[in-house]
PDB file of all heavy atoms in Angstrom:
ATOM      1  N   PHE A   1      20.546  22.614  33.997  1.00  0.00           N
ATOM      2  CA  PHE A   1      21.115  22.613  32.655  1.00  0.00           C
ATOM      3  C   PHE A   1      20.019  22.960  31.668  1.00  0.00           C
ATOM      4  O   PHE A   1      18.895  22.462  31.770  1.00  0.00           O
ATOM      5  CB  PHE A   1      21.708  21.238  32.314  1.00  0.00           C
ATOM      6  CG  PHE A   1      22.976  20.936  33.049  1.00  0.00           C
ATOM      7  CD1 PHE A   1      22.945  20.438  34.348  1.00  0.00           C
ATOM      8  CD2 PHE A   1      24.200  21.155  32.445  1.00  0.00           C
ATOM      9  CE1 PHE A   1      24.117  20.164  35.029  1.00  0.00           C
ATOM     10  CE2 PHE A   1      25.378  20.883  33.127  1.00  0.00           C
ATOM     11  CZ  PHE A   1      25.338  20.391  34.429  1.00  0.00           C
ATOM     12  N   ASP A   2      20.348  23.805  30.694  1.00  0.00           N
ATOM     13  CA  ASP A   2      19.393  24.140  29.650  1.00  0.00           C
ATOM     14  C   ASP A   2      19.200  22.945  28.732  1.00  0.00           C
ATOM     15  O   ASP A   2      20.123  22.147  28.518  1.00  0.00           O
ATOM     16  CB  ASP A   2      19.891  25.325  28.822  1.00  0.00           C
ATOM     17  CG  ASP A   2      19.852  26.630  29.604  1.00  0.00           C
ATOM     18  OD1 ASP A   2      18.980  26.772  30.486  1.00  0.00           O
ATOM     19  OD2 ASP A   2      20.700  27.499  29.334  1.00  0.00           O
ATOM     20  N   CYS A   3      18.024  22.844  28.173  1.00  0.00           N
ATOM     21  CA  CYS A   3      17.732  21.803  27.188  1.00  0.00           C
ATOM     22  C   CYS A   3      18.658  21.991  25.986  1.00  0.00           C
ATOM     23  O   CYS A   3      19.000  23.113  25.615  1.00  0.00           O
ATOM     24  CB  CYS A   3      16.275  21.915  26.748  1.00  0.00           C
ATOM     25  SG  CYS A   3      15.837  20.781  25.415  1.00  0.00           S
ATOM     26  N   TRP A   4      19.049  20.881  25.375  1.00  0.00           N
ATOM     27  CA  TRP A   4      19.922  20.937  24.196  1.00  0.00           C
ATOM     28  C   TRP A   4      19.265  21.702  23.054  1.00  0.00           C
ATOM     29  O   TRP A   4      19.934  22.188  22.145  1.00  0.00           O
ATOM     30  CB  TRP A   4      20.251  19.532  23.711  1.00  0.00           C
ATOM     31  CG  TRP A   4      21.062  18.712  24.656  1.00  0.00           C
ATOM     32  CD1 TRP A   4      21.651  19.117  25.822  1.00  0.00           C
ATOM     33  CD2 TRP A   4      21.390  17.337  24.516  1.00  0.00           C
ATOM     34  NE1 TRP A   4      22.313  18.080  26.414  1.00  0.00           N
ATOM     35  CE2 TRP A   4      22.173  16.957  25.629  1.00  0.00           C
ATOM     36  CE3 TRP A   4      21.096  16.375  23.568  1.00  0.00           C
ATOM     37  CZ2 TRP A   4      22.658  15.673  25.808  1.00  0.00           C
ATOM     38  CZ3 TRP A   4      21.570  15.088  23.741  1.00  0.00           C
ATOM     39  CH2 TRP A   4      22.360  14.742  24.853  1.00  0.00           C
ATOM     40  N   TYR A   5      17.941  21.823  23.088  1.00  0.00           N
ATOM     41  CA  TYR A   5      17.204  22.474  22.014  1.00  0.00           C
ATOM     42  C   TYR A   5      16.857  23.926  22.346  1.00  0.00           C
ATOM     43  O   TYR A   5      15.993  24.524  21.723  1.00  0.00           O
ATOM     44  CB  TYR A   5      15.938  21.675  21.682  1.00  0.00           C
ATOM     45  CG  TYR A   5      16.275  20.360  21.039  1.00  0.00           C
ATOM     46  CD1 TYR A   5      16.529  19.221  21.805  1.00  0.00           C
ATOM     47  CD2 TYR A   5      16.378  20.247  19.656  1.00  0.00           C
ATOM     48  CE1 TYR A   5      16.862  18.016  21.215  1.00  0.00           C
ATOM     49  CE2 TYR A   5      16.715  19.050  19.057  1.00  0.00           C
ATOM     50  CZ  TYR A   5      16.960  17.932  19.846  1.00  0.00           C
ATOM     51  OH  TYR A   5      17.292  16.755  19.255  1.00  0.00           O
ATOM     52  N   LYS A   6      17.560  24.515  23.294  1.00  0.00           N
ATOM     53  CA  LYS A   6      17.339  25.918  23.658  1.00  0.00           C
ATOM     54  C   LYS A   6      17.526  26.851  22.458  1.00  0.00           C
ATOM     55  O   LYS A   6      16.720  27.759  22.250  1.00  0.00           O
ATOM     56  CB  LYS A   6      18.254  26.335  24.808  1.00  0.00           C
ATOM     57  CG  LYS A   6      17.992  27.754  25.274  1.00  0.00           C
ATOM     58  CD  LYS A   6      18.845  28.138  26.451  1.00  0.00           C
ATOM     59  CE  LYS A   6      18.496  29.559  26.881  1.00  0.00           C
ATOM     60  NZ  LYS A   6      19.217  29.939  28.083  1.00  0.00           N
ATOM     61  N   PRO A   7      18.560  26.639  21.619  1.00  0.00           N
ATOM     62  CA  PRO A   7      18.720  27.531  20.457  1.00  0.00           C
ATOM     63  C   PRO A   7      17.528  27.493  19.494  1.00  0.00           C
ATOM     64  O   PRO A   7      17.337  28.404  18.700  1.00  0.00           O
ATOM     65  CB  PRO A   7      19.978  26.999  19.752  1.00  0.00           C
ATOM     66  CG  PRO A   7      20.709  26.232  20.801  1.00  0.00           C
ATOM     67  CD  PRO A   7      19.670  25.690  21.726  1.00  0.00           C
ATOM     68  N   PHE A   8      16.701  26.447  19.583  1.00  0.00           N
ATOM     69  CA  PHE A   8      15.552  26.318  18.696  1.00  0.00           C
ATOM     70  C   PHE A   8      14.255  26.771  19.365  1.00  0.00           C
ATOM     71  O   PHE A   8      13.204  26.775  18.745  1.00  0.00           O
ATOM     72  CB  PHE A   8      15.413  24.880  18.219  1.00  0.00           C
ATOM     73  CG  PHE A   8      16.636  24.394  17.498  1.00  0.00           C
ATOM     74  CD1 PHE A   8      17.548  23.563  18.129  1.00  0.00           C
ATOM     75  CD2 PHE A   8      16.888  24.770  16.188  1.00  0.00           C
ATOM     76  CE1 PHE A   8      18.686  23.126  17.473  1.00  0.00           C
ATOM     77  CE2 PHE A   8      18.023  24.339  15.524  1.00  0.00           C
ATOM     78  CZ  PHE A   8      18.921  23.520  16.166  1.00  0.00           C
ATOM     79  N   GLY A   9      14.316  27.090  20.680  1.00  0.00           N
ATOM     80  CA  GLY A   9      13.136  27.621  21.352  1.00  0.00           C
ATOM     81  C   GLY A   9      12.663  26.883  22.591  1.00  0.00           C
ATOM     82  O   GLY A   9      11.711  27.315  23.224  1.00  0.00           O
ATOM     83  N   CYS A  10      13.275  25.792  22.973  1.00  0.00           N
ATOM     84  CA  CYS A  10      12.869  25.083  24.191  1.00  0.00           C
ATOM     85  C   CYS A  10      13.454  25.805  25.398  1.00  0.00           C
ATOM     86  O   CYS A  10      14.662  26.018  25.484  1.00  0.00           O
ATOM     87  CB  CYS A  10      13.326  23.623  24.190  1.00  0.00           C
ATOM     88  SG  CYS A  10      12.730  22.693  25.616  1.00  0.00           S
ATOM     89  N   VAL A  11      12.614  26.186  26.337  1.00  0.00           N
ATOM     90  CA  VAL A  11      13.070  26.960  27.489  1.00  0.00           C
ATOM     91  C   VAL A  11      13.206  26.105  28.747  1.00  0.00           C
ATOM     92  O   VAL A  11      13.424  26.627  29.832  1.00  0.00           O
ATOM     93  CB  VAL A  11      12.111  28.145  27.769  1.00  0.00           C
ATOM     94  CG1 VAL A  11      12.150  29.134  26.627  1.00  0.00           C
ATOM     95  CG2 VAL A  11      10.701  27.650  28.027  1.00  0.00           C
ATOM     96  N   HIS A  12      13.125  24.801  28.608  1.00  0.00           N
ATOM     97  CA  HIS A  12      13.198  23.898  29.760  1.00  0.00           C
ATOM     98  C   HIS A  12      14.618  23.852  30.337  1.00  0.00           C
ATOM     99  O   HIS A  12      15.599  23.815  29.607  1.00  0.00           O
ATOM    100  CB  HIS A  12      12.774  22.492  29.339  1.00  0.00           C
ATOM    101  CG  HIS A  12      12.720  21.515  30.458  1.00  0.00           C
ATOM    102  ND1 HIS A  12      11.661  21.443  31.322  1.00  0.00           N
ATOM    103  CD2 HIS A  12      13.591  20.564  30.860  1.00  0.00           C
ATOM    104  CE1 HIS A  12      11.880  20.500  32.209  1.00  0.00           C
ATOM    105  NE2 HIS A  12      13.043  19.943  31.952  1.00  0.00           N
ATOM    106  N   ALA A  13      14.690  23.882  31.658  1.00  0.00           N
ATOM    107  CA  ALA A  13      15.963  23.699  32.366  1.00  0.00           C
ATOM    108  C   ALA A  13      15.694  22.719  33.507  1.00  0.00           C
ATOM    109  O   ALA A  13      14.647  22.773  34.143  1.00  0.00           O
ATOM    110  CB  ALA A  13      16.478  25.017  32.905  1.00  0.00           C
ATOM    111  N   CYS A  14      16.642  21.809  33.741  1.00  0.00           N
ATOM    112  CA  CYS A  14      16.456  20.805  34.782  1.00  0.00           C
ATOM    113  C   CYS A  14      17.823  20.292  35.243  1.00  0.00           C
ATOM    114  O   CYS A  14      18.828  20.526  34.580  1.00  0.00           O
ATOM    115  CB  CYS A  14      15.605  19.657  34.263  1.00  0.00           C
ATOM    116  SG  CYS A  14      16.315  18.769  32.863  1.00  0.00           S
ATOM    117  N   PRO A  15      17.851  19.570  36.372  1.00  0.00           N
ATOM    118  CA  PRO A  15      19.111  18.959  36.799  1.00  0.00           C
ATOM    119  C   PRO A  15      19.608  17.965  35.744  1.00  0.00           C
ATOM    120  O   PRO A  15      18.814  17.389  34.987  1.00  0.00           O
ATOM    121  CB  PRO A  15      18.739  18.230  38.098  1.00  0.00           C
ATOM    122  CG  PRO A  15      17.499  18.897  38.568  1.00  0.00           C
ATOM    123  CD  PRO A  15      16.779  19.354  37.336  1.00  0.00           C
ATOM    124  N   LYS A  16      20.900  17.777  35.694  1.00  0.00           N
ATOM    125  CA  LYS A  16      21.524  16.916  34.687  1.00  0.00           C
ATOM    126  C   LYS A  16      20.909  15.515  34.658  1.00  0.00           C
ATOM    127  O   LYS A  16      20.709  14.940  33.589  1.00  0.00           O
ATOM    128  CB  LYS A  16      23.026  16.833  34.956  1.00  0.00           C
ATOM    129  CG  LYS A  16      23.822  16.166  33.868  1.00  0.00           C
ATOM    130  CD  LYS A  16      25.307  16.235  34.182  1.00  0.00           C
ATOM    131  CE  LYS A  16      26.129  15.674  33.041  1.00  0.00           C
ATOM    132  NZ  LYS A  16      27.565  15.800  33.303  1.00  0.00           N
ATOM    133  N   GLN A  17      20.564  14.988  35.837  1.00  0.00           N
ATOM    134  CA  GLN A  17      20.012  13.632  35.926  1.00  0.00           C
ATOM    135  C   GLN A  17      18.656  13.502  35.235  1.00  0.00           C
ATOM    136  O   GLN A  17      18.259  12.415  34.862  1.00  0.00           O
ATOM    137  CB  GLN A  17      19.840  13.197  37.394  1.00  0.00           C
ATOM    138  CG  GLN A  17      21.095  13.122  38.190  1.00  0.00           C
ATOM    139  CD  GLN A  17      21.459  14.461  38.833  1.00  0.00           C
ATOM    140  OE1 GLN A  17      21.156  15.531  38.335  1.00  0.00           O
ATOM    141  NE2 GLN A  17      22.159  14.388  39.954  1.00  0.00           N
ATOM    142  N   LYS A  18      17.935  14.605  35.074  1.00  0.00           N
ATOM    143  CA  LYS A  18      16.594  14.551  34.478  1.00  0.00           C
ATOM    144  C   LYS A  18      16.578  15.027  33.023  1.00  0.00           C
ATOM    145  O   LYS A  18      15.540  14.986  32.376  1.00  0.00           O
ATOM    146  CB  LYS A  18      15.622  15.364  35.314  1.00  0.00           C
ATOM    147  CG  LYS A  18      15.464  14.783  36.705  1.00  0.00           C
ATOM    148  CD  LYS A  18      14.239  15.276  37.368  1.00  0.00           C
ATOM    149  CE  LYS A  18      14.138  14.593  38.735  1.00  0.00           C
ATOM    150  NZ  LYS A  18      12.794  14.374  39.143  1.00  0.00           N
ATOM    151  N   LEU A  19      17.704  15.457  32.517  1.00  0.00           N
ATOM    152  CA  LEU A  19      17.754  15.984  31.156  1.00  0.00           C
ATOM    153  C   LEU A  19      17.446  14.905  30.120  1.00  0.00           C
ATOM    154  O   LEU A  19      16.687  15.133  29.178  1.00  0.00           O
ATOM    155  CB  LEU A  19      19.120  16.624  30.885  1.00  0.00           C
ATOM    156  CG  LEU A  19      19.261  17.368  29.566  1.00  0.00           C
ATOM    157  CD1 LEU A  19      18.212  18.467  29.428  1.00  0.00           C
ATOM    158  CD2 LEU A  19      20.650  17.961  29.437  1.00  0.00           C
ATOM    159  N   LYS A  20      17.995  13.712  30.297  1.00  0.00           N
ATOM    160  CA  LYS A  20      17.747  12.617  29.344  1.00  0.00           C
ATOM    161  C   LYS A  20      16.252  12.305  29.267  1.00  0.00           C
ATOM    162  O   LYS A  20      15.698  12.125  28.188  1.00  0.00           O
ATOM    163  CB  LYS A  20      18.534  11.372  29.758  1.00  0.00           C
ATOM    164  CG  LYS A  20      18.356  10.203  28.833  1.00  0.00           C
ATOM    165  CD  LYS A  20      19.196   9.019  29.272  1.00  0.00           C
ATOM    166  CE  LYS A  20      18.960   7.823  28.377  1.00  0.00           C
ATOM    167  NZ  LYS A  20      19.700   6.652  28.816  1.00  0.00           N
ATOM    168  N   GLN A  21      15.603  12.269  30.420  1.00  0.00           N
ATOM    169  CA  GLN A  21      14.162  11.993  30.465  1.00  0.00           C
ATOM    170  C   GLN A  21      13.392  13.071  29.698  1.00  0.00           C
ATOM    171  O   GLN A  21      12.491  12.765  28.924  1.00  0.00           O
ATOM    172  CB  GLN A  21      13.703  11.928  31.910  1.00  0.00           C
ATOM    173  CG  GLN A  21      12.223  11.671  32.076  1.00  0.00           C
ATOM    174  CD  GLN A  21      11.788  11.716  33.534  1.00  0.00           C
ATOM    175  OE1 GLN A  21      12.556  12.060  34.408  1.00  0.00           O
ATOM    176  NE2 GLN A  21      10.545  11.373  33.777  1.00  0.00           N
ATOM    177  N   HIS A  22      13.758  14.328  29.889  1.00  0.00           N
ATOM    178  CA  HIS A  22      13.111  15.422  29.163  1.00  0.00           C
ATOM    179  C   HIS A  22      13.301  15.258  27.656  1.00  0.00           C
ATOM    180  O   HIS A  22      12.347  15.417  26.885  1.00  0.00           O
ATOM    181  CB  HIS A  22      13.680  16.772  29.623  1.00  0.00           C
ATOM    182  CG  HIS A  22      13.323  17.913  28.721  1.00  0.00           C
ATOM    183  ND1 HIS A  22      12.064  18.467  28.664  1.00  0.00           N
ATOM    184  CD2 HIS A  22      14.075  18.586  27.807  1.00  0.00           C
ATOM    185  CE1 HIS A  22      12.055  19.436  27.767  1.00  0.00           C
ATOM    186  NE2 HIS A  22      13.258  19.527  27.236  1.00  0.00           N
ATOM    187  N   LEU A  23      14.520  14.952  27.232  1.00  0.00           N
ATOM    188  CA  LEU A  23      14.797  14.797  25.800  1.00  0.00           C
ATOM    189  C   LEU A  23      13.974  13.677  25.191  1.00  0.00           C
ATOM    190  O   LEU A  23      13.480  13.792  24.070  1.00  0.00           O
ATOM    191  CB  LEU A  23      16.292  14.554  25.577  1.00  0.00           C
ATOM    192  CG  LEU A  23      17.201  15.738  25.934  1.00  0.00           C
ATOM    193  CD1 LEU A  23      18.665  15.316  25.893  1.00  0.00           C
ATOM    194  CD2 LEU A  23      16.942  16.924  25.030  1.00  0.00           C
ATOM    195  N   ILE A  24      13.781  12.592  25.922  1.00  0.00           N
ATOM    196  CA  ILE A  24      12.987  11.464  25.422  1.00  0.00           C
ATOM    197  C   ILE A  24      11.510  11.829  25.365  1.00  0.00           C
ATOM    198  O   ILE A  24      10.840  11.598  24.360  1.00  0.00           O
ATOM    199  CB  ILE A  24      13.214  10.215  26.294  1.00  0.00           C
ATOM    200  CG1 ILE A  24      14.638   9.695  26.101  1.00  0.00           C
ATOM    201  CG2 ILE A  24      12.198   9.121  25.967  1.00  0.00           C
ATOM    202  CD1 ILE A  24      15.054   8.638  27.107  1.00  0.00           C
ATOM    203  N   LEU A  25      10.997  12.398  26.449  1.00  0.00           N
ATOM    204  CA  LEU A  25       9.570  12.703  26.516  1.00  0.00           C
ATOM    205  C   LEU A  25       9.150  13.792  25.536  1.00  0.00           C
ATOM    206  O   LEU A  25       8.012  13.814  25.080  1.00  0.00           O
ATOM    207  CB  LEU A  25       9.181  13.118  27.937  1.00  0.00           C
ATOM    208  CG  LEU A  25       9.215  12.021  28.984  1.00  0.00           C
ATOM    209  CD1 LEU A  25       8.891  12.579  30.367  1.00  0.00           C
ATOM    210  CD2 LEU A  25       8.242  10.908  28.630  1.00  0.00           C
ATOM    211  N   LYS A  26      10.028  14.693  25.211  1.00  0.00           N
ATOM    212  CA  LYS A  26       9.689  15.833  24.350  1.00  0.00           C
ATOM    213  C   LYS A  26      10.279  15.705  22.947  1.00  0.00           C
ATOM    214  O   LYS A  26      10.513  16.711  22.275  1.00  0.00           O
ATOM    215  CB  LYS A  26      10.174  17.136  24.990  1.00  0.00           C
ATOM    216  CG  LYS A  26       9.467  17.459  26.283  1.00  0.00           C
ATOM    217  CD  LYS A  26       8.001  17.706  26.027  1.00  0.00           C
ATOM    218  CE  LYS A  26       7.286  18.138  27.273  1.00  0.00           C
ATOM    219  NZ  LYS A  26       5.901  18.472  27.002  1.00  0.00           N
ATOM    220  N   LEU A  27      10.501  14.489  22.493  1.00  0.00           N
ATOM    221  CA  LEU A  27      11.122  14.253  21.189  1.00  0.00           C
ATOM    222  C   LEU A  27      10.338  14.925  20.065  1.00  0.00           C
ATOM    223  O   LEU A  27      10.906  15.663  19.252  1.00  0.00           O
ATOM    224  CB  LEU A  27      11.253  12.752  20.933  1.00  0.00           C
ATOM    225  CG  LEU A  27      11.962  12.348  19.662  1.00  0.00           C
ATOM    226  CD1 LEU A  27      13.419  12.777  19.721  1.00  0.00           C
ATOM    227  CD2 LEU A  27      11.881  10.847  19.464  1.00  0.00           C
ATOM    228  N   LYS A  28       9.035  14.729  19.999  1.00  0.00           N
ATOM    229  CA  LYS A  28       8.233  15.329  18.932  1.00  0.00           C
ATOM    230  C   LYS A  28       8.244  16.854  19.038  1.00  0.00           C
ATOM    231  O   LYS A  28       8.366  17.557  18.037  1.00  0.00           O
ATOM    232  CB  LYS A  28       6.802  14.816  18.965  1.00  0.00           C
ATOM    233  CG  LYS A  28       5.966  15.367  17.812  1.00  0.00           C
ATOM    234  CD  LYS A  28       4.560  14.872  17.842  1.00  0.00           C
ATOM    235  CE  LYS A  28       3.697  15.390  16.717  1.00  0.00           C
ATOM    236  NZ  LYS A  28       4.009  16.609  16.087  1.00  0.00           N
ATOM    237  N   PHE A  29       8.115  17.377  20.247  1.00  0.00           N
ATOM    238  CA  PHE A  29       8.150  18.824  20.462  1.00  0.00           C
ATOM    239  C   PHE A  29       9.459  19.403  19.938  1.00  0.00           C
ATOM    240  O   PHE A  29       9.471  20.413  19.227  1.00  0.00           O
ATOM    241  CB  PHE A  29       7.971  19.129  21.953  1.00  0.00           C
ATOM    242  CG  PHE A  29       8.180  20.566  22.306  1.00  0.00           C
ATOM    243  CD1 PHE A  29       7.264  21.535  21.919  1.00  0.00           C
ATOM    244  CD2 PHE A  29       9.294  20.969  23.036  1.00  0.00           C
ATOM    245  CE1 PHE A  29       7.449  22.877  22.250  1.00  0.00           C
ATOM    246  CE2 PHE A  29       9.481  22.297  23.379  1.00  0.00           C
ATOM    247  CZ  PHE A  29       8.561  23.250  22.978  1.00  0.00           C
ATOM    248  N   HIS A  30      10.579  18.751  20.263  1.00  0.00           N
ATOM    249  CA  HIS A  30      11.888  19.226  19.802  1.00  0.00           C
ATOM    250  C   HIS A  30      12.005  19.137  18.280  1.00  0.00           C
ATOM    251  O   HIS A  30      12.535  20.044  17.632  1.00  0.00           O
ATOM    252  CB  HIS A  30      13.015  18.446  20.477  1.00  0.00           C
ATOM    253  CG  HIS A  30      13.124  18.728  21.941  1.00  0.00           C
ATOM    254  ND1 HIS A  30      13.423  17.745  22.849  1.00  0.00           N
ATOM    255  CD2 HIS A  30      12.961  19.866  22.662  1.00  0.00           C
ATOM    256  CE1 HIS A  30      13.445  18.273  24.059  1.00  0.00           C
ATOM    257  NE2 HIS A  30      13.167  19.562  23.971  1.00  0.00           N
ATOM    258  N   PHE A  31      11.519  18.057  17.717  1.00  0.00           N
ATOM    259  CA  PHE A  31      11.550  17.896  16.261  1.00  0.00           C
ATOM    260  C   PHE A  31      10.762  19.030  15.597  1.00  0.00           C
ATOM    261  O   PHE A  31      11.224  19.640  14.622  1.00  0.00           O
ATOM    262  CB  PHE A  31      10.982  16.531  15.868  1.00  0.00           C
ATOM    263  CG  PHE A  31      10.965  16.295  14.391  1.00  0.00           C
ATOM    264  CD1 PHE A  31      12.127  15.978  13.712  1.00  0.00           C
ATOM    265  CD2 PHE A  31       9.788  16.409  13.670  1.00  0.00           C
ATOM    266  CE1 PHE A  31      12.125  15.760  12.344  1.00  0.00           C
ATOM    267  CE2 PHE A  31       9.773  16.197  12.309  1.00  0.00           C
ATOM    268  CZ  PHE A  31      10.943  15.876  11.646  1.00  0.00           C
ATOM    269  N   ASP A  32       9.578  19.331  16.143  1.00  0.00           N
ATOM    270  CA  ASP A  32       8.756  20.404  15.588  1.00  0.00           C
ATOM    271  C   ASP A  32       9.463  21.759  15.691  1.00  0.00           C
ATOM    272  O   ASP A  32       9.364  22.590  14.785  1.00  0.00           O
ATOM    273  CB  ASP A  32       7.396  20.461  16.281  1.00  0.00           C
ATOM    274  CG  ASP A  32       6.521  19.260  15.949  1.00  0.00           C
ATOM    275  OD1 ASP A  32       6.802  18.568  14.948  1.00  0.00           O
ATOM    276  OD2 ASP A  32       5.554  19.011  16.700  1.00  0.00           O
ATOM    277  N   LEU A  33      10.175  21.988  16.804  1.00  0.00           N
ATOM    278  CA  LEU A  33      10.929  23.239  16.950  1.00  0.00           C
ATOM    279  C   LEU A  33      12.002  23.363  15.871  1.00  0.00           C
ATOM    280  O   LEU A  33      12.190  24.438  15.289  1.00  0.00           O
ATOM    281  CB  LEU A  33      11.601  23.314  18.327  1.00  0.00           C
ATOM    282  CG  LEU A  33      10.721  23.619  19.527  1.00  0.00           C
ATOM    283  CD1 LEU A  33      11.541  23.540  20.812  1.00  0.00           C
ATOM    284  CD2 LEU A  33      10.080  24.987  19.394  1.00  0.00           C
ATOM    285  N   VAL A  34      12.714  22.273  15.603  1.00  0.00           N
ATOM    286  CA  VAL A  34      13.775  22.301  14.590  1.00  0.00           C
ATOM    287  C   VAL A  34      13.179  22.532  13.202  1.00  0.00           C
ATOM    288  O   VAL A  34      13.705  23.337  12.419  1.00  0.00           O
ATOM    289  CB  VAL A  34      14.615  21.009  14.636  1.00  0.00           C
ATOM    290  CG1 VAL A  34      15.583  20.940  13.473  1.00  0.00           C
ATOM    291  CG2 VAL A  34      15.364  20.904  15.959  1.00  0.00           C
ATOM    292  N   VAL A  35      12.071  21.871  12.899  1.00  0.00           N
ATOM    293  CA  VAL A  35      11.411  22.055  11.603  1.00  0.00           C
ATOM    294  C   VAL A  35      10.974  23.511  11.435  1.00  0.00           C
ATOM    295  O   VAL A  35      11.188  24.125  10.382  1.00  0.00           O
ATOM    296  CB  VAL A  35      10.209  21.092  11.456  1.00  0.00           C
ATOM    297  CG1 VAL A  35       9.349  21.455  10.263  1.00  0.00           C
ATOM    298  CG2 VAL A  35      10.694  19.658  11.336  1.00  0.00           C
ATOM    299  N   LYS A  36      10.390  24.074  12.489  1.00  0.00           N
ATOM    300  CA  LYS A  36       9.964  25.473  12.451  1.00  0.00           C
ATOM    301  C   LYS A  36      11.159  26.406  12.239  1.00  0.00           C
ATOM    302  O   LYS A  36      11.095  27.355  11.459  1.00  0.00           O
ATOM    303  CB  LYS A  36       9.254  25.805  13.764  1.00  0.00           C
ATOM    304  CG  LYS A  36       8.572  27.120  13.816  1.00  0.00           C
ATOM    305  CD  LYS A  36       7.835  27.259  15.148  1.00  0.00           C
ATOM    306  CE  LYS A  36       7.251  28.617  15.332  1.00  0.00           C
ATOM    307  NZ  LYS A  36       6.574  28.750  16.627  1.00  0.00           N
ATOM    308  N   PHE A  37      12.270  26.111  12.899  1.00  0.00           N
ATOM    309  CA  PHE A  37      13.480  26.914  12.768  1.00  0.00           C
ATOM    310  C   PHE A  37      14.022  26.847  11.338  1.00  0.00           C
ATOM    311  O   PHE A  37      14.388  27.866  10.748  1.00  0.00           O
ATOM    312  CB  PHE A  37      14.531  26.422  13.771  1.00  0.00           C
ATOM    313  CG  PHE A  37      15.803  27.210  13.761  1.00  0.00           C
ATOM    314  CD1 PHE A  37      15.884  28.458  14.352  1.00  0.00           C
ATOM    315  CD2 PHE A  37      16.942  26.700  13.148  1.00  0.00           C
ATOM    316  CE1 PHE A  37      17.062  29.190  14.343  1.00  0.00           C
ATOM    317  CE2 PHE A  37      18.121  27.414  13.130  1.00  0.00           C
ATOM    318  CZ  PHE A  37      18.183  28.666  13.727  1.00  0.00           C
ATOM    319  N   VAL A  38      14.060  25.653  10.780  1.00  0.00           N
ATOM    320  CA  VAL A  38      14.550  25.476   9.402  1.00  0.00           C
ATOM    321  C   VAL A  38      13.649  26.217   8.425  1.00  0.00           C
ATOM    322  O   VAL A  38      14.126  26.876   7.493  1.00  0.00           O
ATOM    323  CB  VAL A  38      14.668  23.975   9.050  1.00  0.00           C
ATOM    324  CG1 VAL A  38      14.907  23.771   7.569  1.00  0.00           C
ATOM    325  CG2 VAL A  38      15.776  23.322   9.862  1.00  0.00           C
ATOM    326  N   ASP A  39      12.333  26.141   8.646  1.00  0.00           N
ATOM    327  CA  ASP A  39      11.403  26.871   7.778  1.00  0.00           C
ATOM    328  C   ASP A  39      11.645  28.375   7.837  1.00  0.00           C
ATOM    329  O   ASP A  39      11.630  29.057   6.810  1.00  0.00           O
ATOM    330  CB  ASP A  39       9.947  26.563   8.159  1.00  0.00           C
ATOM    331  CG  ASP A  39       9.518  25.179   7.729  1.00  0.00           C
ATOM    332  OD1 ASP A  39      10.204  24.568   6.874  1.00  0.00           O
ATOM    333  OD2 ASP A  39       8.494  24.696   8.254  1.00  0.00           O
ATOM    334  N   SER A  40      11.906  28.898   9.039  1.00  0.00           N
ATOM    335  CA  SER A  40      12.166  30.342   9.155  1.00  0.00           C
ATOM    336  C   SER A  40      13.483  30.707   8.468  1.00  0.00           C
ATOM    337  O   SER A  40      13.598  31.776   7.868  1.00  0.00           O
ATOM    338  CB  SER A  40      12.163  30.790  10.614  1.00  0.00           C
ATOM    339  OG  SER A  40      13.283  30.296  11.289  1.00  0.00           O
ATOM    340  N   LEU A  41      14.483  29.825   8.537  1.00  0.00           N
ATOM    341  CA  LEU A  41      15.743  30.078   7.825  1.00  0.00           C
ATOM    342  C   LEU A  41      15.519  30.111   6.314  1.00  0.00           C
ATOM    343  O   LEU A  41      16.071  30.956   5.613  1.00  0.00           O
ATOM    344  CB  LEU A  41      16.787  29.014   8.168  1.00  0.00           C
ATOM    345  CG  LEU A  41      17.429  29.092   9.545  1.00  0.00           C
ATOM    346  CD1 LEU A  41      18.387  27.917   9.742  1.00  0.00           C
ATOM    347  CD2 LEU A  41      18.169  30.399   9.723  1.00  0.00           C
ATOM    348  N   LYS A  42      14.699  29.180   5.810  1.00  0.00           N
ATOM    349  CA  LYS A  42      14.384  29.150   4.373  1.00  0.00           C
ATOM    350  C   LYS A  42      13.723  30.453   3.946  1.00  0.00           C
ATOM    351  O   LYS A  42      14.056  31.022   2.898  1.00  0.00           O
ATOM    352  CB  LYS A  42      13.450  27.988   4.049  1.00  0.00           C
ATOM    353  CG  LYS A  42      14.121  26.639   4.022  1.00  0.00           C
ATOM    354  CD  LYS A  42      13.100  25.574   3.682  1.00  0.00           C
ATOM    355  CE  LYS A  42      13.680  24.199   3.697  1.00  0.00           C
ATOM    356  NZ  LYS A  42      12.660  23.160   3.417  1.00  0.00           N
TER     357      LYS A  42
END
């Protein structure tokens, strides 16, 4: 399954059982991707 943050630039894919762990461990990385995306939209 693709990471929920794929539209923002995260290219991680993993089995469904490990997706929650990825989302928790990469919280700051995902937040930074969204901030960068919003800045580019601005």
